[in-house]
Amino acid sequence: MAIVDVVKYNGGPELFAWRFPSDEFGSCTRLTVNKPYEAVLCKDGKALDAFGGGSHTLEGANAPLQGKMIHPSKNGKDSFEAEIWYVDTVHSFDVRWGTASPLKLQDPEYGVVVPARLTGEFGVKIADSKKFLTKLVGSLPLFDRSGIVIFFRGLYLAKLKDSVTSYLLHKQIGVLEADSDPDELSAYLKIRTEPVFEEYGVRLVHFYIGDFSVPEDDPAVLKLKELAAAKERAGAGAEDIAENPDKPPEKPKGTDAGPTAVDAPDGKEAGAAGEINEAAGANEMKECPKCHSAMDKNKRFCGDCGCDTQKSSGKAAEIRCSACGTAMTKKNKFCPECGKKYNPCPKCGADLPTDVVECEFCGYETFLPCPSCGKPLEGKNLKFCPECGFSLLKKCPKCESVVKGDPKFCPECGETLKQ
């Protein structure tokens, strides 16, 4: 195959990524890259050199990683085999999603498993073209909107069920009340879903819940409504007794004697209360104090992070300043001895050091604030603040490569990093 002299984009306008059809190039090949695309050289399933906007030659100085594989050809021209991908790293793409089959959600209070359907829309853009190509594309000639749905449907739907259950536990509400605040639910699910996309070099720009519905005629939904109604009736009766302790219970109309539904052990209220107690006692859920995933109340270890939920009592014996150890109360805003600001654990109230994200008393994992807007960063491995969009990545000031950990020198260019 002849060496290609000029490489330029020739894909459609709505593609995430497009592969140039030829794979035979030389050091004299001219690569043209126009916005919003970034060109990436790939070899043997690995993303090597990346090129921004402009005109480039594929010589060793411009493509140091690819340059190691250049070899002389019979006609005297240096050549190499590779793939050239054009990746759109600027535009975001809106993708509509929905649950093909109902999610089986367990009501936190009654333990009833209810089917629910969700639909909505999410917007994504490629944040790391090398990771995206290495993880997803493989041998596909292009990657479009349908491709993102195919690859991510199973991932985000599996995460969706756990995230909705976690939201119900976090808000202490039932399945039938889950759609009471769709904006809050959407924001919560976005934070929980972002890490799934980030693993593949994709940034989740927005995530919306368009519809959250349960089938009104489903037996499980009807049972849940009956249990909720019975609890409401029982609560109203208890409130009436508390307000009028000397008032005898009303007897059924049309009779002079006989036990009322409240007195009778086989009355409807008594039966409903028995159902409530029976349902509530089975398959109760709780929230992991470390990763906040939903888990069975009778389980000791979290299946997601391995946290031992019985490690401690979950309460601090007494509140003491994390700096000097002086005893404090929840009414104190500052330590009366050293003046440190009281930083309470949301679960047990213990005073936490400002740079600690996990409570040593109850294991509750807190969230660090965004350096820009101060909002809690409720998620792991976030690259951008979901509230203000501030970049949370640590980058080298010279080559702008992402730096992980606290090295003294940039692993890519050797630049000295500030400590």
Protein backbone atom coordinates (compact mmCIF):
# COMPACT_ATOMS: atom_id res chain seq x y z
CA MET A 1 0.00 0.00 0.00
CA ALA A 2 1.31 3.46 -0.92
CA ILE A 3 2.30 5.93 1.77
CA VAL A 4 -0.36 8.58 2.35
CA ASP A 5 0.89 12.12 1.75
CA VAL A 6 -1.97 14.13 3.30
CA VAL A 7 -4.32 13.15 6.13
CA LYS A 8 -7.43 15.20 6.87
CA TYR A 9 -10.85 14.69 8.44
CA ASN A 10 -13.57 13.35 6.16
CA GLY A 11 -16.21 12.07 8.62
CA GLY A 12 -19.72 13.30 9.41
CA PRO A 13 -20.59 16.28 11.63
CA GLU A 14 -22.08 14.25 14.49
CA LEU A 15 -19.32 11.76 15.19
CA PHE A 16 -17.42 11.37 18.44
CA ALA A 17 -14.50 9.76 16.65
CA TRP A 18 -13.55 8.85 13.08
CA ARG A 19 -10.67 6.71 11.80
CA PHE A 20 -8.74 7.64 8.68
CA PRO A 21 -9.24 4.74 6.20
CA SER A 22 -5.55 4.16 5.46
CA ASP A 23 -2.89 2.91 7.90
CA GLU A 24 0.33 3.41 5.91
CA PHE A 25 2.13 6.68 6.73
CA GLY A 26 5.58 8.17 6.58
CA SER A 27 7.63 10.83 8.28
CA CYS A 28 6.77 13.17 5.42
CA THR A 29 2.99 12.65 5.79
CA ARG A 30 1.23 15.94 6.50
CA LEU A 31 -1.54 15.77 9.08
CA THR A 32 -4.19 18.51 9.00
CA VAL A 33 -6.28 18.99 12.17
CA ASN A 34 -9.11 21.52 12.34
CA LYS A 35 -11.24 22.45 15.33
CA PRO A 36 -13.08 20.89 17.11
CA TYR A 37 -10.99 17.77 16.50
CA GLU A 38 -7.84 16.31 17.97
CA ALA A 39 -5.86 13.71 16.02
CA VAL A 40 -4.40 10.69 17.81
CA LEU A 41 -1.94 8.09 16.50
CA CYS A 42 -2.77 4.55 17.67
CA LYS A 43 -0.80 1.33 17.36
CA ASP A 44 -1.65 -2.17 18.62
CA GLY A 45 -4.58 -0.93 20.68
CA LYS A 46 -2.57 1.83 22.36
CA ALA A 47 -3.05 5.58 21.91
CA LEU A 48 0.37 7.16 21.34
CA ASP A 49 0.81 10.75 20.12
CA ALA A 50 -1.89 13.43 20.06
CA PHE A 51 -2.02 16.49 17.78
CA GLY A 52 -4.04 19.67 18.28
CA GLY A 53 -5.30 22.10 15.65
CA GLY A 54 -2.94 22.97 12.79
CA SER A 55 -0.76 21.26 10.20
CA HIS A 56 1.78 18.67 11.34
CA THR A 57 4.34 16.29 9.86
CA LEU A 58 4.65 12.84 11.40
CA GLU A 59 8.36 13.05 12.01
CA GLY A 60 10.04 11.93 15.20
CA ALA A 61 10.15 15.40 16.79
CA ASN A 62 6.38 15.85 16.45
CA ALA A 63 5.49 12.24 17.24
CA PRO A 64 8.17 10.95 19.65
CA LEU A 65 6.33 7.74 20.60
CA GLN A 66 5.42 6.85 17.03
CA GLY A 67 8.90 7.85 15.83
CA LYS A 68 10.38 4.79 17.54
CA MET A 69 8.54 2.54 15.08
CA ILE A 70 9.51 4.33 11.85
CA HIS A 71 11.50 2.10 9.51
CA PRO A 72 13.04 2.73 6.06
CA SER A 73 11.06 1.45 3.05
CA LYS A 74 12.36 0.08 -0.23
CA ASN A 75 11.96 3.41 -2.03
CA GLY A 76 14.04 5.20 0.57
CA LYS A 77 11.14 6.84 2.40
CA ASP A 78 10.61 6.28 6.10
CA SER A 79 7.25 4.61 6.74
CA PHE A 80 5.20 3.06 9.52
CA GLU A 81 1.81 1.45 10.01
CA ALA A 82 -0.63 2.96 12.47
CA GLU A 83 -4.17 4.25 12.88
CA ILE A 84 -5.04 7.93 12.87
CA TRP A 85 -8.19 8.90 14.72
CA TYR A 86 -9.94 12.26 14.75
CA VAL A 87 -11.69 12.88 18.07
CA ASP A 88 -14.14 15.71 18.80
CA THR A 89 -13.07 17.11 22.19
CA VAL A 90 -15.10 20.35 22.08
CA HIS A 91 -18.74 19.63 21.32
CA SER A 92 -21.06 17.81 23.69
CA PHE A 93 -23.60 15.31 22.44
CA ASP A 94 -27.08 14.89 23.89
CA VAL A 95 -28.25 11.29 24.20
CA ARG A 96 -31.76 10.26 25.19
CA TRP A 97 -31.93 7.23 27.44
CA GLY A 98 -34.56 5.04 29.07
CA THR A 99 -34.99 1.79 30.95
CA ALA A 100 -36.01 -0.84 28.39
CA SER A 101 -37.41 -2.95 31.23
CA PRO A 102 -38.62 -1.64 34.60
CA LEU A 103 -36.10 -1.25 37.42
CA LYS A 104 -36.91 -3.32 40.50
CA LEU A 105 -36.67 -0.81 43.36
CA GLN A 106 -37.18 -1.80 46.98
CA ASP A 107 -39.07 0.67 49.11
CA PRO A 108 -36.80 1.58 52.07
CA GLU A 109 -39.63 1.69 54.63
CA TYR A 110 -41.88 -1.23 53.71
CA GLY A 111 -39.48 -3.51 51.82
CA VAL A 112 -41.90 -3.91 48.90
CA VAL A 113 -40.18 -4.30 45.51
CA VAL A 114 -41.81 -1.97 42.99
CA PRO A 115 -41.21 -1.76 39.20
CA ALA A 116 -40.31 1.72 37.96
CA ARG A 117 -39.49 3.15 34.56
CA LEU A 118 -37.16 6.11 34.03
CA THR A 119 -36.42 8.16 30.93
CA GLY A 120 -34.26 11.19 30.42
CA GLU A 121 -31.31 12.71 28.63
CA PHE A 122 -27.61 13.08 29.26
CA GLY A 123 -24.94 15.15 27.54
CA VAL A 124 -21.38 13.89 27.11
CA LYS A 125 -18.13 15.13 25.61
CA ILE A 126 -14.75 13.47 25.24
CA ALA A 127 -12.35 14.78 27.88
CA ASP A 128 -9.41 12.40 27.38
CA SER A 129 -9.07 11.31 23.75
CA LYS A 130 -6.32 8.77 24.44
CA LYS A 131 -8.25 7.02 27.19
CA PHE A 132 -11.42 7.11 25.10
CA LEU A 133 -9.75 5.43 22.12
CA THR A 134 -7.92 2.85 24.22
CA LYS A 135 -11.01 1.87 26.22
CA LEU A 136 -13.82 2.01 23.72
CA VAL A 137 -13.16 2.26 20.05
CA GLY A 138 -11.12 -0.84 19.22
CA SER A 139 -11.61 -1.83 15.60
CA LEU A 140 -14.71 0.27 14.85
CA PRO A 141 -14.31 2.66 11.88
CA LEU A 142 -16.29 5.39 13.64
CA PHE A 143 -18.02 6.15 16.91
CA ASP A 144 -21.35 8.01 16.87
CA ARG A 145 -24.35 8.65 19.11
CA SER A 146 -25.69 5.10 18.79
CA GLY A 147 -22.27 3.79 19.76
CA ILE A 148 -22.27 5.71 23.05
CA VAL A 149 -25.72 4.30 23.87
CA ILE A 150 -24.65 0.71 23.08
CA PHE A 151 -21.47 0.93 25.16
CA PHE A 152 -22.89 2.73 28.15
CA ARG A 153 -26.46 1.38 28.40
CA GLY A 154 -25.54 -1.60 30.57
CA LEU A 155 -23.10 0.45 32.67
CA TYR A 156 -25.29 3.40 33.52
CA LEU A 157 -28.44 1.30 33.98
CA ALA A 158 -26.65 -0.92 36.53
CA LYS A 159 -25.42 2.21 38.31
CA LEU A 160 -28.86 3.81 37.98
CA LYS A 161 -30.61 1.22 40.14
CA ASP A 162 -28.06 1.50 42.97
CA SER A 163 -28.07 5.30 42.73
CA VAL A 164 -31.87 5.62 42.93
CA THR A 165 -31.96 3.25 45.92
CA SER A 166 -29.19 5.25 47.59
CA TYR A 167 -31.14 8.46 46.94
CA LEU A 168 -34.27 7.04 48.59
CA LEU A 169 -32.24 6.08 51.67
CA HIS A 170 -30.42 9.41 51.71
CA LYS A 171 -33.67 11.41 51.56
CA GLN A 172 -35.62 8.97 53.75
CA ILE A 173 -38.47 8.79 51.24
CA GLY A 174 -40.38 5.96 49.56
CA VAL A 175 -40.46 4.90 45.90
CA LEU A 176 -43.81 6.63 45.35
CA GLU A 177 -42.23 9.96 46.43
CA ALA A 178 -39.05 9.63 44.37
CA ASP A 179 -40.27 11.99 41.62
CA SER A 180 -41.30 14.77 44.03
CA ASP A 181 -38.14 16.77 43.16
CA PRO A 182 -36.84 15.70 39.72
CA ASP A 183 -34.12 18.38 39.65
CA GLU A 184 -32.62 17.18 42.94
CA LEU A 185 -32.86 13.53 41.83
CA SER A 186 -31.17 14.38 38.52
CA ALA A 187 -28.31 16.19 40.27
CA TYR A 188 -27.82 13.28 42.67
CA LEU A 189 -27.78 10.70 39.88
CA LYS A 190 -25.38 12.82 37.82
CA ILE A 191 -22.82 12.83 40.64
CA ARG A 192 -23.19 9.07 41.06
CA THR A 193 -22.94 8.36 37.32
CA GLU A 194 -19.98 10.62 36.48
CA PRO A 195 -17.26 8.16 37.60
CA VAL A 196 -18.66 5.51 35.21
CA PHE A 197 -18.09 7.78 32.21
CA GLU A 198 -14.77 9.18 33.47
CA GLU A 199 -13.22 5.71 33.42
CA TYR A 200 -13.63 5.82 29.64
CA GLY A 201 -12.33 9.35 29.09
CA VAL A 202 -15.83 10.81 28.73
CA ARG A 203 -17.14 13.77 30.72
CA LEU A 204 -20.80 13.84 31.74
CA VAL A 205 -21.92 17.41 31.00
CA HIS A 206 -25.51 17.10 32.20
CA PHE A 207 -27.92 14.38 33.30
CA TYR A 208 -31.69 14.84 33.43
CA ILE A 209 -34.60 12.69 34.59
CA GLY A 210 -37.52 13.33 32.25
CA ASP A 211 -39.99 10.86 33.70
CA PHE A 212 -40.13 8.61 36.76
CA SER A 213 -43.24 6.43 36.78
CA VAL A 214 -44.64 3.28 38.35
CA PRO A 215 -47.55 1.24 36.90
CA GLU A 216 -50.62 2.20 38.92
CA ASP A 217 -52.29 -1.21 38.47
CA ASP A 218 -49.26 -3.29 39.47
CA PRO A 219 -49.98 -5.51 42.52
CA ALA A 220 -46.80 -4.39 44.28
CA VAL A 221 -47.70 -0.72 43.78
CA LEU A 222 -51.22 -1.31 45.08
CA LYS A 223 -49.86 -3.13 48.13
CA LEU A 224 -47.41 -0.31 48.83
CA LYS A 225 -50.20 2.26 48.64
CA GLU A 226 -52.34 0.17 51.02
CA LEU A 227 -49.49 -0.06 53.53
CA ALA A 228 -48.86 3.68 53.31
CA ALA A 229 -52.57 4.42 53.77
CA ALA A 230 -52.79 2.04 56.73
CA LYS A 231 -49.81 3.72 58.38
CA GLU A 232 -51.44 7.11 57.87
CA ARG A 233 -54.68 5.88 59.44
CA ALA A 234 -52.80 4.33 62.35
CA GLY A 235 -50.88 7.56 62.86
CA ALA A 236 -54.06 9.62 62.81
CA GLY A 237 -55.66 7.30 65.39
CA ALA A 238 -52.63 7.52 67.67
CA GLU A 239 -52.65 11.30 67.39
CA ASP A 240 -56.36 11.42 68.29
CA ILE A 241 -55.78 9.22 71.35
CA ALA A 242 -52.86 11.41 72.44
CA GLU A 243 -54.99 14.55 72.19
CA ASN A 244 -58.07 12.97 73.85
CA PRO A 245 -56.80 10.27 76.24
CA ASP A 246 -60.14 10.06 78.12
CA LYS A 247 -62.30 9.74 75.01
CA PRO A 248 -63.54 6.16 74.46
CA PRO A 249 -63.01 4.70 70.99
CA GLU A 250 -65.91 5.19 68.62
CA LYS A 251 -68.02 2.15 67.86
CA PRO A 252 -69.13 1.23 64.37
CA LYS A 253 -72.26 3.04 63.19
CA GLY A 254 -75.51 1.06 63.48
CA THR A 255 -74.38 -1.04 66.44
CA ASP A 256 -74.72 -0.65 70.19
CA ALA A 257 -71.94 -2.92 71.21
CA GLY A 258 -69.01 -4.85 69.90
CA PRO A 259 -65.37 -4.12 69.54
CA THR A 260 -64.19 -1.37 67.21
CA ALA A 261 -61.63 -1.83 64.50
CA VAL A 262 -59.07 -0.34 66.83
CA ASP A 263 -59.90 -2.83 69.60
CA ALA A 264 -60.40 -5.90 67.44
CA PRO A 265 -57.26 -7.88 66.72
CA ASP A 266 -58.74 -8.96 63.41
CA GLY A 267 -59.87 -5.45 62.34
CA LYS A 268 -58.64 -3.81 59.15
CA GLU A 269 -56.34 -1.42 60.99
CA ALA A 270 -54.86 -4.24 63.04
CA GLY A 271 -54.39 -6.30 59.89
CA ALA A 272 -52.79 -3.38 58.08
CA ALA A 273 -50.51 -2.70 61.02
CA GLY A 274 -49.48 -6.35 60.98
CA GLU A 275 -48.69 -6.07 57.28
CA ILE A 276 -46.65 -2.95 57.92
CA ASN A 277 -44.64 -4.60 60.65
CA GLU A 278 -44.15 -7.74 58.57
CA ALA A 279 -43.05 -5.84 55.46
CA ALA A 280 -40.84 -3.45 57.38
CA GLY A 281 -39.09 -6.30 59.12
CA ALA A 282 -38.18 -8.04 55.85
CA ASN A 283 -35.40 -6.87 53.55
CA GLU A 284 -34.85 -3.53 55.27
CA MET A 285 -32.13 -1.42 53.71
CA LYS A 286 -29.46 0.83 55.18
CA GLU A 287 -26.81 3.15 53.83
CA CYS A 288 -23.11 2.30 53.94
CA PRO A 289 -21.44 4.97 56.15
CA LYS A 290 -18.37 5.07 53.87
CA CYS A 291 -19.52 4.95 50.22
CA HIS A 292 -23.27 5.59 50.90
CA SER A 293 -24.42 2.65 48.75
CA ALA A 294 -27.67 0.91 49.63
CA MET A 295 -27.22 -2.46 51.35
CA ASP A 296 -29.22 -5.04 53.31
CA LYS A 297 -29.72 -3.95 56.91
CA ASN A 298 -28.72 -7.41 58.20
CA LYS A 299 -25.42 -7.44 56.30
CA ARG A 300 -22.27 -6.41 58.15
CA PHE A 301 -19.90 -5.64 55.26
CA CYS A 302 -20.69 -3.37 52.31
CA GLY A 303 -20.56 -5.21 49.00
CA ASP A 304 -19.24 -2.14 47.14
CA CYS A 305 -16.40 -0.87 49.35
CA GLY A 306 -16.01 -3.61 52.02
CA CYS A 307 -16.72 -1.24 54.90
CA ASP A 308 -17.41 -2.96 58.24
CA THR A 309 -20.64 -1.29 59.30
CA GLN A 310 -20.35 -2.77 62.81
CA LYS A 311 -16.83 -1.47 63.37
CA SER A 312 -18.03 1.05 65.91
CA SER A 313 -21.20 2.16 67.58
CA GLY A 314 -21.46 5.01 65.09
CA LYS A 315 -21.50 7.66 67.80
CA ALA A 316 -18.70 9.63 69.36
CA ALA A 317 -18.68 9.07 73.14
CA GLU A 318 -18.10 12.80 73.63
CA ILE A 319 -17.12 15.61 71.33
CA ARG A 320 -13.52 16.71 71.67
CA CYS A 321 -11.55 19.23 69.67
CA SER A 322 -9.54 17.39 67.00
CA ALA A 323 -6.66 19.86 67.48
CA CYS A 324 -6.19 20.11 71.26
CA GLY A 325 -8.56 17.48 72.71
CA THR A 326 -10.67 19.90 74.77
CA ALA A 327 -14.25 18.75 75.46
CA MET A 328 -16.88 20.54 73.36
CA THR A 329 -20.63 20.55 72.79
CA LYS A 330 -22.63 20.78 69.59
CA LYS A 331 -23.52 24.36 70.54
CA ASN A 332 -19.88 25.44 70.26
CA LYS A 333 -18.87 27.06 67.00
CA PHE A 334 -15.22 27.21 68.01
CA CYS A 335 -13.03 25.32 70.46
CA PRO A 336 -13.04 27.29 73.77
CA GLU A 337 -9.38 26.38 74.32
CA CYS A 338 -7.54 26.77 70.98
CA GLY A 339 -10.12 28.55 68.85
CA LYS A 340 -10.33 25.91 66.09
CA LYS A 341 -13.60 26.06 64.17
CA TYR A 342 -15.94 23.17 64.97
CA ASN A 343 -16.14 20.85 61.94
CA PRO A 344 -18.87 18.32 62.87
CA CYS A 345 -19.29 14.89 61.33
CA PRO A 346 -22.77 14.88 59.70
CA LYS A 347 -23.56 11.50 61.28
CA CYS A 348 -22.12 11.39 64.82
CA GLY A 349 -21.13 15.01 65.49
CA ALA A 350 -17.44 14.34 66.19
CA ASP A 351 -15.06 17.24 65.45
CA LEU A 352 -13.13 16.41 62.25
CA PRO A 353 -9.80 17.88 61.12
CA THR A 354 -10.24 20.07 58.05
CA ASP A 355 -8.20 17.77 55.81
CA VAL A 356 -9.89 14.48 56.81
CA VAL A 357 -12.71 13.02 54.69
CA GLU A 358 -13.57 9.96 56.82
CA CYS A 359 -14.77 10.07 60.43
CA GLU A 360 -12.66 7.85 62.70
CA PHE A 361 -15.60 7.27 65.07
CA CYS A 362 -18.41 6.19 62.72
CA GLY A 363 -16.65 5.75 59.37
CA TYR A 364 -18.87 8.31 57.63
CA GLU A 365 -17.20 9.68 54.50
CA THR A 366 -17.50 13.44 54.11
CA PHE A 367 -16.91 15.44 50.96
CA LEU A 368 -14.24 18.09 50.43
CA PRO A 369 -15.43 21.52 49.23
CA CYS A 370 -14.76 22.82 45.73
CA PRO A 371 -11.79 25.26 45.85
CA SER A 372 -13.78 27.70 43.70
CA CYS A 373 -17.41 27.72 44.85
CA GLY A 374 -17.15 25.82 48.16
CA LYS A 375 -19.88 23.29 47.31
CA PRO A 376 -19.27 19.71 48.58
CA LEU A 377 -17.74 17.45 45.93
CA GLU A 378 -20.09 14.49 46.35
CA GLY A 379 -18.27 11.88 44.30
CA LYS A 380 -14.95 10.16 43.74
CA ASN A 381 -12.41 10.89 41.01
CA LEU A 382 -14.23 14.03 39.89
CA LYS A 383 -12.43 16.05 37.24
CA PHE A 384 -14.70 19.08 37.36
CA CYS A 385 -16.93 20.62 40.02
CA PRO A 386 -20.54 19.68 39.13
CA GLU A 387 -21.72 23.04 40.49
CA CYS A 388 -19.39 25.61 38.89
CA GLY A 389 -17.32 23.56 36.41
CA PHE A 390 -13.99 24.36 38.09
CA SER A 391 -11.24 21.94 37.00
CA LEU A 392 -10.12 19.67 39.84
CA LEU A 393 -7.27 18.07 37.91
CA LYS A 394 -3.68 18.76 38.89
CA LYS A 395 -1.75 19.61 35.73
CA CYS A 396 1.87 20.29 34.89
CA PRO A 397 2.33 24.06 34.26
CA LYS A 398 4.63 23.35 31.30
CA CYS A 399 3.14 20.47 29.28
CA GLU A 400 -0.33 20.50 30.93
CA SER A 401 -0.26 16.73 31.45
CA VAL A 402 -2.47 15.42 34.25
CA VAL A 403 -0.36 14.68 37.34
CA LYS A 404 -1.53 12.08 39.85
CA GLY A 405 -0.36 12.02 43.46
CA ASP A 406 2.30 14.43 44.74
CA PRO A 407 5.44 13.88 42.64
CA LYS A 408 8.24 16.46 42.71
CA PHE A 409 8.70 16.33 38.95
CA CYS A 410 6.30 15.94 36.02
CA PRO A 411 6.50 12.32 34.75
CA GLU A 412 5.97 13.51 31.17
CA CYS A 413 8.36 16.47 30.71
CA GLY A 414 10.41 16.55 33.94
CA GLU A 415 9.22 20.02 34.98
CA THR A 416 9.68 20.79 38.70
CA LEU A 417 6.30 20.85 40.42
CA LYS A 418 5.39 23.11 43.32
CA GLN A 419 5.01 21.25 46.61
